Amino acid sequence: MLDPGHGGENSGATSAITGHLEKDYTLDWAKRIKKLLSQKGWKVHLTRTDDHEIHLSERGTMANEWQADLFLSLHFNS
């Protein structure tokens, strides 16, 4: 399970170089990683697929419901 950090009103860090938001980078990265892993036969779920906030407790619940063997939370620093 890939967890693109932040989302919605919670934008995370702002890039010191580009000014883009962490929530956008994490979502883009999660979608790219999902595609690569899926091509290798992995079954991959994302905690979010668009720009909305999911609370931390919900993320853990989702992982349990999907019986995830791995939970990777993605974040960037500014």
N, C-alpha and C. Protein backbone atom coordinates (compact mmCIF):
# COMPACT_ATOMS: atom_id res chain seq x y z
N MET A 1 0.83 -1.16 0.00
CA MET A 1 0.00 0.00 0.00
C MET A 1 0.88 1.23 0.00
N LEU A 2 0.61 2.12 -0.93
CA LEU A 2 1.32 3.38 -1.01
C LEU A 2 0.45 4.49 -0.47
N ASP A 3 1.03 5.30 0.39
CA ASP A 3 0.31 6.37 1.05
C ASP A 3 0.92 7.71 0.68
N PRO A 4 0.39 8.38 -0.37
CA PRO A 4 0.91 9.70 -0.72
C PRO A 4 0.54 10.71 0.37
N GLY A 5 1.53 11.18 1.08
CA GLY A 5 1.30 12.05 2.22
C GLY A 5 0.55 13.33 1.87
N HIS A 6 -0.15 13.84 2.88
CA HIS A 6 -0.89 15.09 2.81
C HIS A 6 -2.08 14.99 1.86
N GLY A 7 -2.57 16.09 1.36
CA GLY A 7 -3.73 16.10 0.49
C GLY A 7 -4.78 17.08 0.99
N GLY A 8 -5.59 17.57 0.09
CA GLY A 8 -6.63 18.52 0.44
C GLY A 8 -6.04 19.79 1.00
N GLU A 9 -6.58 20.25 2.14
CA GLU A 9 -6.11 21.49 2.77
C GLU A 9 -4.73 21.32 3.39
N ASN A 10 -4.31 20.08 3.64
CA ASN A 10 -3.00 19.79 4.23
C ASN A 10 -1.99 19.64 3.10
N SER A 11 -1.32 20.73 2.75
CA SER A 11 -0.45 20.72 1.57
C SER A 11 0.95 20.22 1.85
N GLY A 12 1.35 20.13 3.10
CA GLY A 12 2.71 19.71 3.42
C GLY A 12 3.70 20.81 3.11
N ALA A 13 4.94 20.44 2.86
CA ALA A 13 6.01 21.41 2.60
C ALA A 13 5.85 22.04 1.22
N THR A 14 6.47 23.18 1.05
CA THR A 14 6.53 23.85 -0.24
C THR A 14 7.97 23.79 -0.73
N SER A 15 8.15 23.37 -1.97
CA SER A 15 9.49 23.26 -2.53
C SER A 15 10.18 24.62 -2.54
N ALA A 16 11.39 24.67 -2.00
CA ALA A 16 12.18 25.91 -1.99
C ALA A 16 12.65 26.26 -3.40
N ILE A 17 12.65 25.29 -4.30
CA ILE A 17 13.14 25.52 -5.66
C ILE A 17 12.01 25.86 -6.62
N THR A 18 10.95 25.05 -6.62
CA THR A 18 9.88 25.22 -7.61
C THR A 18 8.64 25.90 -7.06
N GLY A 19 8.47 25.88 -5.74
CA GLY A 19 7.26 26.43 -5.13
C GLY A 19 6.08 25.47 -5.16
N HIS A 20 6.27 24.27 -5.72
CA HIS A 20 5.19 23.29 -5.75
C HIS A 20 4.99 22.66 -4.38
N LEU A 21 3.83 22.06 -4.18
CA LEU A 21 3.44 21.53 -2.88
C LEU A 21 3.78 20.05 -2.73
N GLU A 22 4.14 19.69 -1.51
CA GLU A 22 4.48 18.30 -1.20
C GLU A 22 3.34 17.35 -1.56
N LYS A 23 2.10 17.75 -1.30
CA LYS A 23 0.96 16.87 -1.57
C LYS A 23 0.90 16.49 -3.05
N ASP A 24 1.31 17.39 -3.94
CA ASP A 24 1.30 17.11 -5.38
C ASP A 24 2.44 16.16 -5.76
N TYR A 25 3.61 16.39 -5.17
CA TYR A 25 4.75 15.51 -5.44
C TYR A 25 4.48 14.08 -4.96
N THR A 26 3.92 13.96 -3.75
CA THR A 26 3.70 12.61 -3.21
C THR A 26 2.67 11.85 -4.03
N LEU A 27 1.62 12.53 -4.48
CA LEU A 27 0.60 11.85 -5.29
C LEU A 27 1.17 11.43 -6.64
N ASP A 28 1.92 12.31 -7.27
CA ASP A 28 2.55 11.98 -8.55
C ASP A 28 3.50 10.79 -8.39
N TRP A 29 4.31 10.83 -7.36
CA TRP A 29 5.27 9.76 -7.10
C TRP A 29 4.55 8.43 -6.85
N ALA A 30 3.49 8.45 -6.05
CA ALA A 30 2.74 7.23 -5.74
C ALA A 30 2.15 6.62 -7.01
N LYS A 31 1.60 7.45 -7.89
CA LYS A 31 1.01 6.93 -9.13
C LYS A 31 2.09 6.32 -10.03
N ARG A 32 3.26 6.94 -10.08
CA ARG A 32 4.36 6.40 -10.90
C ARG A 32 4.85 5.07 -10.34
N ILE A 33 5.02 5.01 -9.01
CA ILE A 33 5.49 3.78 -8.37
C ILE A 33 4.46 2.67 -8.55
N LYS A 34 3.18 3.00 -8.39
CA LYS A 34 2.12 2.00 -8.57
C LYS A 34 2.20 1.39 -9.96
N LYS A 35 2.35 2.22 -10.97
CA LYS A 35 2.43 1.73 -12.35
C LYS A 35 3.62 0.78 -12.52
N LEU A 36 4.78 1.17 -12.00
CA LEU A 36 5.97 0.33 -12.12
C LEU A 36 5.81 -1.01 -11.39
N LEU A 37 5.29 -0.95 -10.17
CA LEU A 37 5.11 -2.20 -9.41
C LEU A 37 4.03 -3.09 -10.01
N SER A 38 2.96 -2.49 -10.51
CA SER A 38 1.89 -3.26 -11.14
C SER A 38 2.39 -4.00 -12.38
N GLN A 39 3.28 -3.36 -13.12
CA GLN A 39 3.86 -4.00 -14.30
C GLN A 39 4.71 -5.22 -13.92
N LYS A 40 5.18 -5.25 -12.67
CA LYS A 40 5.97 -6.38 -12.17
C LYS A 40 5.11 -7.42 -11.47
N GLY A 41 3.78 -7.22 -11.51
CA GLY A 41 2.87 -8.20 -10.94
C GLY A 41 2.43 -7.92 -9.51
N TRP A 42 2.82 -6.81 -8.94
CA TRP A 42 2.41 -6.47 -7.59
C TRP A 42 0.96 -5.96 -7.59
N LYS A 43 0.24 -6.25 -6.53
CA LYS A 43 -1.09 -5.68 -6.32
C LYS A 43 -0.89 -4.46 -5.42
N VAL A 44 -1.17 -3.28 -5.95
CA VAL A 44 -0.86 -2.03 -5.25
C VAL A 44 -2.14 -1.21 -5.05
N HIS A 45 -2.32 -0.73 -3.83
CA HIS A 45 -3.42 0.18 -3.51
C HIS A 45 -2.82 1.51 -3.09
N LEU A 46 -3.54 2.59 -3.37
CA LEU A 46 -3.16 3.92 -2.91
C LEU A 46 -4.18 4.39 -1.88
N THR A 47 -3.71 5.08 -0.85
CA THR A 47 -4.66 5.61 0.13
C THR A 47 -5.46 6.76 -0.45
N ARG A 48 -4.89 7.46 -1.42
CA ARG A 48 -5.65 8.50 -2.13
C ARG A 48 -5.17 8.56 -3.57
N THR A 49 -6.10 8.88 -4.47
CA THR A 49 -5.79 8.98 -5.89
C THR A 49 -6.05 10.37 -6.44
N ASP A 50 -6.50 11.26 -5.56
CA ASP A 50 -6.72 12.65 -5.96
C ASP A 50 -6.40 13.54 -4.77
N ASP A 51 -6.66 14.83 -4.92
CA ASP A 51 -6.27 15.81 -3.91
C ASP A 51 -7.33 15.97 -2.84
N HIS A 52 -7.43 14.99 -1.96
CA HIS A 52 -8.28 15.14 -0.79
C HIS A 52 -7.57 14.58 0.43
N GLU A 53 -7.92 15.11 1.58
CA GLU A 53 -7.24 14.72 2.82
C GLU A 53 -7.85 13.45 3.38
N ILE A 54 -6.98 12.57 3.82
CA ILE A 54 -7.40 11.36 4.51
C ILE A 54 -6.70 11.38 5.86
N HIS A 55 -7.46 11.27 6.93
CA HIS A 55 -6.89 11.33 8.27
C HIS A 55 -6.02 10.10 8.53
N LEU A 56 -5.05 10.27 9.41
CA LEU A 56 -4.09 9.22 9.71
C LEU A 56 -4.77 7.93 10.14
N SER A 57 -5.78 8.02 10.98
CA SER A 57 -6.47 6.81 11.44
C SER A 57 -7.14 6.07 10.29
N GLU A 58 -7.65 6.81 9.32
CA GLU A 58 -8.29 6.19 8.15
C GLU A 58 -7.27 5.44 7.30
N ARG A 59 -6.07 5.97 7.22
CA ARG A 59 -5.02 5.33 6.41
C ARG A 59 -4.68 3.96 6.97
N GLY A 60 -4.56 3.88 8.29
CA GLY A 60 -4.30 2.58 8.93
C GLY A 60 -5.45 1.61 8.75
N THR A 61 -6.67 2.11 8.85
CA THR A 61 -7.86 1.28 8.65
C THR A 61 -7.88 0.71 7.22
N MET A 62 -7.54 1.56 6.25
CA MET A 62 -7.52 1.11 4.85
C MET A 62 -6.49 -0.01 4.67
N ALA A 63 -5.33 0.15 5.26
CA ALA A 63 -4.28 -0.87 5.15
C ALA A 63 -4.75 -2.19 5.74
N ASN A 64 -5.43 -2.12 6.87
CA ASN A 64 -5.96 -3.34 7.49
C ASN A 64 -7.05 -3.97 6.64
N GLU A 65 -7.94 -3.17 6.09
CA GLU A 65 -9.02 -3.70 5.27
C GLU A 65 -8.48 -4.38 4.01
N TRP A 66 -7.45 -3.82 3.42
CA TRP A 66 -6.87 -4.40 2.20
C TRP A 66 -5.81 -5.44 2.52
N GLN A 67 -5.60 -5.70 3.81
CA GLN A 67 -4.63 -6.69 4.27
C GLN A 67 -3.26 -6.45 3.62
N ALA A 68 -2.81 -5.21 3.71
CA ALA A 68 -1.54 -4.82 3.09
C ALA A 68 -0.38 -5.51 3.79
N ASP A 69 0.53 -6.03 2.99
CA ASP A 69 1.76 -6.63 3.52
C ASP A 69 2.82 -5.57 3.77
N LEU A 70 2.67 -4.43 3.11
CA LEU A 70 3.62 -3.34 3.23
C LEU A 70 2.85 -2.02 3.15
N PHE A 71 3.20 -1.09 4.02
CA PHE A 71 2.58 0.23 4.02
C PHE A 71 3.70 1.25 3.93
N LEU A 72 3.76 1.96 2.81
CA LEU A 72 4.82 2.92 2.57
C LEU A 72 4.22 4.32 2.47
N SER A 73 4.56 5.17 3.44
CA SER A 73 4.06 6.54 3.46
C SER A 73 5.10 7.44 2.78
N LEU A 74 4.66 8.18 1.77
CA LEU A 74 5.57 9.00 0.97
C LEU A 74 5.52 10.46 1.39
N HIS A 75 6.69 11.04 1.62
CA HIS A 75 6.80 12.45 2.01
C HIS A 75 8.07 13.04 1.40
N PHE A 76 8.08 14.36 1.31
CA PHE A 76 9.24 15.11 0.83
C PHE A 76 9.52 16.24 1.81
N ASN A 77 10.77 16.65 1.89
CA ASN A 77 11.13 17.86 2.62
C ASN A 77 11.21 19.02 1.64
N SER A 78 11.20 20.23 2.17
CA SER A 78 11.24 21.39 1.28
C SER A 78 12.65 21.63 0.78
